[in-house]
Amino acid sequence: MADLDAPILIAPYGSTWPGLFESERNLLKDLLAQWLVGPIEHIGSTAVPGMPAKPVIDIMAAVKDLDSSQGAIPILETAKYCYAPYGADVQHWFCKPQPSARTHHLHLVPFTSTLWNETLIFRDCLRREPATAQRYIDLKLRLAQVHRTDREAYTRGKTAFIVSVVQGARGQ
């Protein structure tokens, strides 16, 4: 999929992002009804008011486990979600409508798993701690310049920061 990926572009905060999430959540609530065991959450930088981000709405939906939610994959494909085995040991990952022109990422994640909890801890820290959010913005802008065409390197470059924020929030 890497050859098909769009370049990394960080856009100013979009006031339409919360509404785009809500619209997609309404669609997903119906599509995923039989697999959902918890909420559908707006995650990632587009979920943090005022934060510049790749203009891709990140969504995390709570499922019981990965095995029992396999049946959601073909259902989501009917709504233009493209499945990719990215992080397949902890989530079912999708982009919409295609890797070269993404508008949404969807993560089906077991409810209350480590990934579920840490993703929300990180999002909530960025929402309530402006200094942490600014350090993250600076990091993302730097990484987007260096790794404009390498999403994997861009993502790896953020990992240590994310881990440190989550550990700090947990008092570790």
C-alpha atoms as a PDB file:
ATOM      1  CA  MET A   1       0.000   0.000   0.000  1.00  0.00           C
ATOM      2  CA  ALA A   2       2.954   2.350   0.602  1.00  0.00           C
ATOM      3  CA  ASP A   3       3.408   2.991  -3.134  1.00  0.00           C
ATOM      4  CA  LEU A   4      -0.153   4.274  -3.340  1.00  0.00           C
ATOM      5  CA  ASP A   5       0.008   6.577  -0.306  1.00  0.00           C
ATOM      6  CA  ALA A   6      -0.641  10.274  -0.607  1.00  0.00           C
ATOM      7  CA  PRO A   7       2.179  12.551   0.594  1.00  0.00           C
ATOM      8  CA  ILE A   8       2.022  13.809   4.174  1.00  0.00           C
ATOM      9  CA  LEU A   9       0.571  17.294   4.312  1.00  0.00           C
ATOM     10  CA  ILE A  10      -0.219  19.051   7.582  1.00  0.00           C
ATOM     11  CA  ALA A  11      -3.128  21.476   7.246  1.00  0.00           C
ATOM     12  CA  PRO A  12      -4.302  24.194   9.641  1.00  0.00           C
ATOM     13  CA  TYR A  13      -7.066  23.085  12.000  1.00  0.00           C
ATOM     14  CA  GLY A  14     -10.326  22.565  10.129  1.00  0.00           C
ATOM     15  CA  SER A  15     -13.492  23.752  11.838  1.00  0.00           C
ATOM     16  CA  THR A  16     -15.425  21.172   9.780  1.00  0.00           C
ATOM     17  CA  TRP A  17     -13.535  18.203  11.253  1.00  0.00           C
ATOM     18  CA  PRO A  18     -15.854  17.602  14.249  1.00  0.00           C
ATOM     19  CA  GLY A  19     -18.894  17.617  11.948  1.00  0.00           C
ATOM     20  CA  LEU A  20     -17.213  15.254   9.482  1.00  0.00           C
ATOM     21  CA  PHE A  21     -16.548  12.894  12.380  1.00  0.00           C
ATOM     22  CA  GLU A  22     -20.168  13.071  13.579  1.00  0.00           C
ATOM     23  CA  SER A  23     -21.482  12.297  10.081  1.00  0.00           C
ATOM     24  CA  GLU A  24     -19.191   9.320   9.738  1.00  0.00           C
ATOM     25  CA  ARG A  25     -19.986   8.110  13.249  1.00  0.00           C
ATOM     26  CA  ASN A  26     -23.680   8.054  12.348  1.00  0.00           C
ATOM     27  CA  LEU A  27     -22.933   5.943   9.266  1.00  0.00           C
ATOM     28  CA  LEU A  28     -20.651   3.594  11.219  1.00  0.00           C
ATOM     29  CA  LYS A  29     -23.119   3.120  14.103  1.00  0.00           C
ATOM     30  CA  ASP A  30     -25.488   1.440  11.678  1.00  0.00           C
ATOM     31  CA  LEU A  31     -22.866  -0.490   9.699  1.00  0.00           C
ATOM     32  CA  LEU A  32     -21.086  -1.781  12.795  1.00  0.00           C
ATOM     33  CA  ALA A  33     -24.076  -2.237  15.113  1.00  0.00           C
ATOM     34  CA  GLN A  34     -23.650  -5.999  15.541  1.00  0.00           C
ATOM     35  CA  TRP A  35     -19.935  -5.679  16.438  1.00  0.00           C
ATOM     36  CA  LEU A  36     -19.894  -2.547  18.612  1.00  0.00           C
ATOM     37  CA  VAL A  37     -19.481  -3.067  22.358  1.00  0.00           C
ATOM     38  CA  GLY A  38     -18.602   0.515  23.249  1.00  0.00           C
ATOM     39  CA  PRO A  39     -18.351   3.998  21.768  1.00  0.00           C
ATOM     40  CA  ILE A  40     -17.078   5.297  18.462  1.00  0.00           C
ATOM     41  CA  GLU A  41     -14.417   7.902  19.270  1.00  0.00           C
ATOM     42  CA  HIS A  42     -12.857  10.766  17.314  1.00  0.00           C
ATOM     43  CA  ILE A  43      -9.103  10.332  17.780  1.00  0.00           C
ATOM     44  CA  GLY A  44      -5.894  11.688  16.332  1.00  0.00           C
ATOM     45  CA  SER A  45      -4.984  15.296  15.718  1.00  0.00           C
ATOM     46  CA  THR A  46      -8.264  16.194  13.993  1.00  0.00           C
ATOM     47  CA  ALA A  47      -9.931  15.463  17.357  1.00  0.00           C
ATOM     48  CA  VAL A  48      -7.911  18.179  19.128  1.00  0.00           C
ATOM     49  CA  PRO A  49      -9.421  21.664  18.705  1.00  0.00           C
ATOM     50  CA  GLY A  50      -6.966  24.077  17.098  1.00  0.00           C
ATOM     51  CA  MET A  51      -4.367  21.434  16.181  1.00  0.00           C
ATOM     52  CA  PRO A  52      -2.942  21.347  12.655  1.00  0.00           C
ATOM     53  CA  ALA A  53      -3.199  17.846  11.197  1.00  0.00           C
ATOM     54  CA  LYS A  54      -3.273  15.696   8.136  1.00  0.00           C
ATOM     55  CA  PRO A  55      -6.867  16.375   7.036  1.00  0.00           C
ATOM     56  CA  VAL A  56      -7.904  12.771   7.639  1.00  0.00           C
ATOM     57  CA  ILE A  57     -10.560  12.040  10.253  1.00  0.00           C
ATOM     58  CA  ASP A  58      -9.299   9.299  12.590  1.00  0.00           C
ATOM     59  CA  ILE A  59     -12.007   7.144  14.137  1.00  0.00           C
ATOM     60  CA  MET A  60     -11.739   4.344  16.692  1.00  0.00           C
ATOM     61  CA  ALA A  61     -14.655   1.963  17.212  1.00  0.00           C
ATOM     62  CA  ALA A  62     -14.910  -0.410  20.173  1.00  0.00           C
ATOM     63  CA  VAL A  63     -15.324  -4.079  19.300  1.00  0.00           C
ATOM     64  CA  LYS A  64     -15.288  -7.163  21.541  1.00  0.00           C
ATOM     65  CA  ASP A  65     -12.185  -8.664  19.913  1.00  0.00           C
ATOM     66  CA  LEU A  66     -10.516  -8.944  16.536  1.00  0.00           C
ATOM     67  CA  ASP A  67     -11.717 -12.456  15.723  1.00  0.00           C
ATOM     68  CA  SER A  68     -15.400 -11.776  16.303  1.00  0.00           C
ATOM     69  CA  SER A  69     -15.272  -8.506  14.325  1.00  0.00           C
ATOM     70  CA  GLN A  70     -13.763 -10.032  11.154  1.00  0.00           C
ATOM     71  CA  GLY A  71     -17.238  -9.961   9.592  1.00  0.00           C
ATOM     72  CA  ALA A  72     -17.185  -6.159   9.666  1.00  0.00           C
ATOM     73  CA  ILE A  73     -14.438  -6.020   7.033  1.00  0.00           C
ATOM     74  CA  PRO A  74     -16.610  -6.798   3.962  1.00  0.00           C
ATOM     75  CA  ILE A  75     -19.439  -4.632   5.344  1.00  0.00           C
ATOM     76  CA  LEU A  76     -17.099  -1.647   5.665  1.00  0.00           C
ATOM     77  CA  GLU A  77     -15.775  -2.227   2.154  1.00  0.00           C
ATOM     78  CA  THR A  78     -19.301  -1.517   0.864  1.00  0.00           C
ATOM     79  CA  ALA A  79     -18.946   1.974   2.418  1.00  0.00           C
ATOM     80  CA  LYS A  80     -15.625   2.566   0.577  1.00  0.00           C
ATOM     81  CA  TYR A  81     -13.380   1.612   3.498  1.00  0.00           C
ATOM     82  CA  CYS A  82     -10.202  -0.131   2.308  1.00  0.00           C
ATOM     83  CA  TYR A  83      -8.893  -2.727   4.740  1.00  0.00           C
ATOM     84  CA  ALA A  84      -5.143  -3.060   5.306  1.00  0.00           C
ATOM     85  CA  PRO A  85      -3.436  -5.466   7.726  1.00  0.00           C
ATOM     86  CA  TYR A  86      -1.699  -2.585   9.508  1.00  0.00           C
ATOM     87  CA  GLY A  87      -1.190  -3.368  13.199  1.00  0.00           C
ATOM     88  CA  ALA A  88      -3.264  -6.502  12.637  1.00  0.00           C
ATOM     89  CA  ASP A  89      -2.326  -7.929  16.037  1.00  0.00           C
ATOM     90  CA  VAL A  90      -4.140  -5.067  17.839  1.00  0.00           C
ATOM     91  CA  GLN A  91      -6.693  -3.632  15.394  1.00  0.00           C
ATOM     92  CA  HIS A  92      -8.516  -3.859  12.084  1.00  0.00           C
ATOM     93  CA  TRP A  93      -7.324  -0.787  10.151  1.00  0.00           C
ATOM     94  CA  PHE A  94      -9.049   0.922   7.209  1.00  0.00           C
ATOM     95  CA  CYS A  95      -8.699   4.043   5.119  1.00  0.00           C
ATOM     96  CA  LYS A  96     -11.406   5.707   3.049  1.00  0.00           C
ATOM     97  CA  PRO A  97     -11.845   6.015   0.117  1.00  0.00           C
ATOM     98  CA  GLN A  98      -8.347   4.972  -1.035  1.00  0.00           C
ATOM     99  CA  PRO A  99      -4.724   5.211   0.126  1.00  0.00           C
ATOM    100  CA  SER A 100      -3.845   7.936  -2.392  1.00  0.00           C
ATOM    101  CA  ALA A 101      -6.743  10.216  -1.388  1.00  0.00           C
ATOM    102  CA  ARG A 102      -7.723   9.583   2.221  1.00  0.00           C
ATOM    103  CA  THR A 103     -10.537  11.306   4.056  1.00  0.00           C
ATOM    104  CA  HIS A 104     -10.916   8.877   6.986  1.00  0.00           C
ATOM    105  CA  HIS A 105      -9.006   6.254   8.937  1.00  0.00           C
ATOM    106  CA  LEU A 106     -10.976   3.699  10.917  1.00  0.00           C
ATOM    107  CA  HIS A 107      -9.541   1.546  13.686  1.00  0.00           C
ATOM    108  CA  LEU A 108     -11.628  -1.332  15.039  1.00  0.00           C
ATOM    109  CA  VAL A 109     -10.029  -1.889  18.430  1.00  0.00           C
ATOM    110  CA  PRO A 110     -10.955  -4.227  21.280  1.00  0.00           C
ATOM    111  CA  PHE A 111     -12.727  -2.170  23.929  1.00  0.00           C
ATOM    112  CA  THR A 112     -10.550  -1.366  26.960  1.00  0.00           C
ATOM    113  CA  SER A 113      -7.464  -2.941  25.340  1.00  0.00           C
ATOM    114  CA  THR A 114      -4.089  -1.262  25.830  1.00  0.00           C
ATOM    115  CA  LEU A 115      -4.380   0.396  22.405  1.00  0.00           C
ATOM    116  CA  TRP A 116      -7.899   1.643  23.189  1.00  0.00           C
ATOM    117  CA  ASN A 117      -6.916   3.115  26.556  1.00  0.00           C
ATOM    118  CA  GLU A 118      -3.611   4.658  25.470  1.00  0.00           C
ATOM    119  CA  THR A 119      -5.133   6.267  22.378  1.00  0.00           C
ATOM    120  CA  LEU A 120      -7.734   8.048  24.506  1.00  0.00           C
ATOM    121  CA  ILE A 121      -5.190   9.027  27.166  1.00  0.00           C
ATOM    122  CA  PHE A 122      -3.004  10.656  24.514  1.00  0.00           C
ATOM    123  CA  ARG A 123      -5.913  12.466  22.822  1.00  0.00           C
ATOM    124  CA  ASP A 124      -7.202  13.770  26.140  1.00  0.00           C
ATOM    125  CA  CYS A 125      -3.740  14.987  27.199  1.00  0.00           C
ATOM    126  CA  LEU A 126      -3.442  16.973  23.965  1.00  0.00           C
ATOM    127  CA  ARG A 127      -6.897  18.455  24.525  1.00  0.00           C
ATOM    128  CA  ARG A 128      -6.184  19.691  28.058  1.00  0.00           C
ATOM    129  CA  GLU A 129      -2.428  20.482  27.941  1.00  0.00           C
ATOM    130  CA  PRO A 130      -1.602  23.286  25.471  1.00  0.00           C
ATOM    131  CA  ALA A 131       2.173  23.005  26.023  1.00  0.00           C
ATOM    132  CA  THR A 132       2.122  19.268  25.245  1.00  0.00           C
ATOM    133  CA  ALA A 133      -0.054  19.916  22.201  1.00  0.00           C
ATOM    134  CA  GLN A 134       2.399  22.545  20.940  1.00  0.00           C
ATOM    135  CA  ARG A 135       5.374  20.198  21.337  1.00  0.00           C
ATOM    136  CA  TYR A 136       3.434  17.586  19.367  1.00  0.00           C
ATOM    137  CA  ILE A 137       2.588  20.099  16.634  1.00  0.00           C
ATOM    138  CA  ASP A 138       6.256  21.086  16.335  1.00  0.00           C
ATOM    139  CA  LEU A 139       7.286  17.422  16.106  1.00  0.00           C
ATOM    140  CA  LYS A 140       4.653  16.607  13.476  1.00  0.00           C
ATOM    141  CA  LEU A 141       5.621  19.577  11.314  1.00  0.00           C
ATOM    142  CA  ARG A 142       9.299  18.584  11.456  1.00  0.00           C
ATOM    143  CA  LEU A 143       8.552  14.952  10.662  1.00  0.00           C
ATOM    144  CA  ALA A 144       6.217  15.884   7.797  1.00  0.00           C
ATOM    145  CA  GLN A 145       9.032  17.860   6.175  1.00  0.00           C
ATOM    146  CA  VAL A 146      11.603  15.085   6.592  1.00  0.00           C
ATOM    147  CA  HIS A 147       9.303  12.154   5.760  1.00  0.00           C
ATOM    148  CA  ARG A 148       6.846  13.726   3.297  1.00  0.00           C
ATOM    149  CA  THR A 149       6.504  10.518   1.279  1.00  0.00           C
ATOM    150  CA  ASP A 150       7.161   7.948   4.013  1.00  0.00           C
ATOM    151  CA  ARG A 151       4.152   7.501   6.289  1.00  0.00           C
ATOM    152  CA  GLU A 152       5.786   4.680   8.221  1.00  0.00           C
ATOM    153  CA  ALA A 153       8.809   6.827   9.124  1.00  0.00           C
ATOM    154  CA  TYR A 154       6.513   9.740  10.007  1.00  0.00           C
ATOM    155  CA  THR A 155       4.499   7.503  12.343  1.00  0.00           C
ATOM    156  CA  ARG A 156       7.596   5.900  13.895  1.00  0.00           C
ATOM    157  CA  GLY A 157       9.016   9.375  14.520  1.00  0.00           C
ATOM    158  CA  LYS A 158       6.037  10.229  16.741  1.00  0.00           C
ATOM    159  CA  THR A 159       6.116   7.030  18.803  1.00  0.00           C
ATOM    160  CA  ALA A 160       8.593   8.028  21.530  1.00  0.00           C
ATOM    161  CA  PHE A 161       6.730  11.288  22.145  1.00  0.00           C
ATOM    162  CA  ILE A 162       3.360   9.544  22.375  1.00  0.00           C
ATOM    163  CA  VAL A 163       4.733   6.898  24.749  1.00  0.00           C
ATOM    164  CA  SER A 164       6.255   9.564  26.999  1.00  0.00           C
ATOM    165  CA  VAL A 165       2.977  11.524  27.176  1.00  0.00           C
ATOM    166  CA  VAL A 166       0.953   8.391  27.987  1.00  0.00           C
ATOM    167  CA  GLN A 167       3.460   7.281  30.643  1.00  0.00           C
ATOM    168  CA  GLY A 168       3.440  10.761  32.154  1.00  0.00           C
ATOM    169  CA  ALA A 169      -0.349  10.737  32.315  1.00  0.00           C
ATOM    170  CA  ARG A 170      -0.222   7.378  34.075  1.00  0.00           C
ATOM    171  CA  GLY A 171       2.400   8.638  36.522  1.00  0.00           C
ATOM    172  CA  GLN A 172       5.046   6.195  35.316  1.00  0.00           C
END
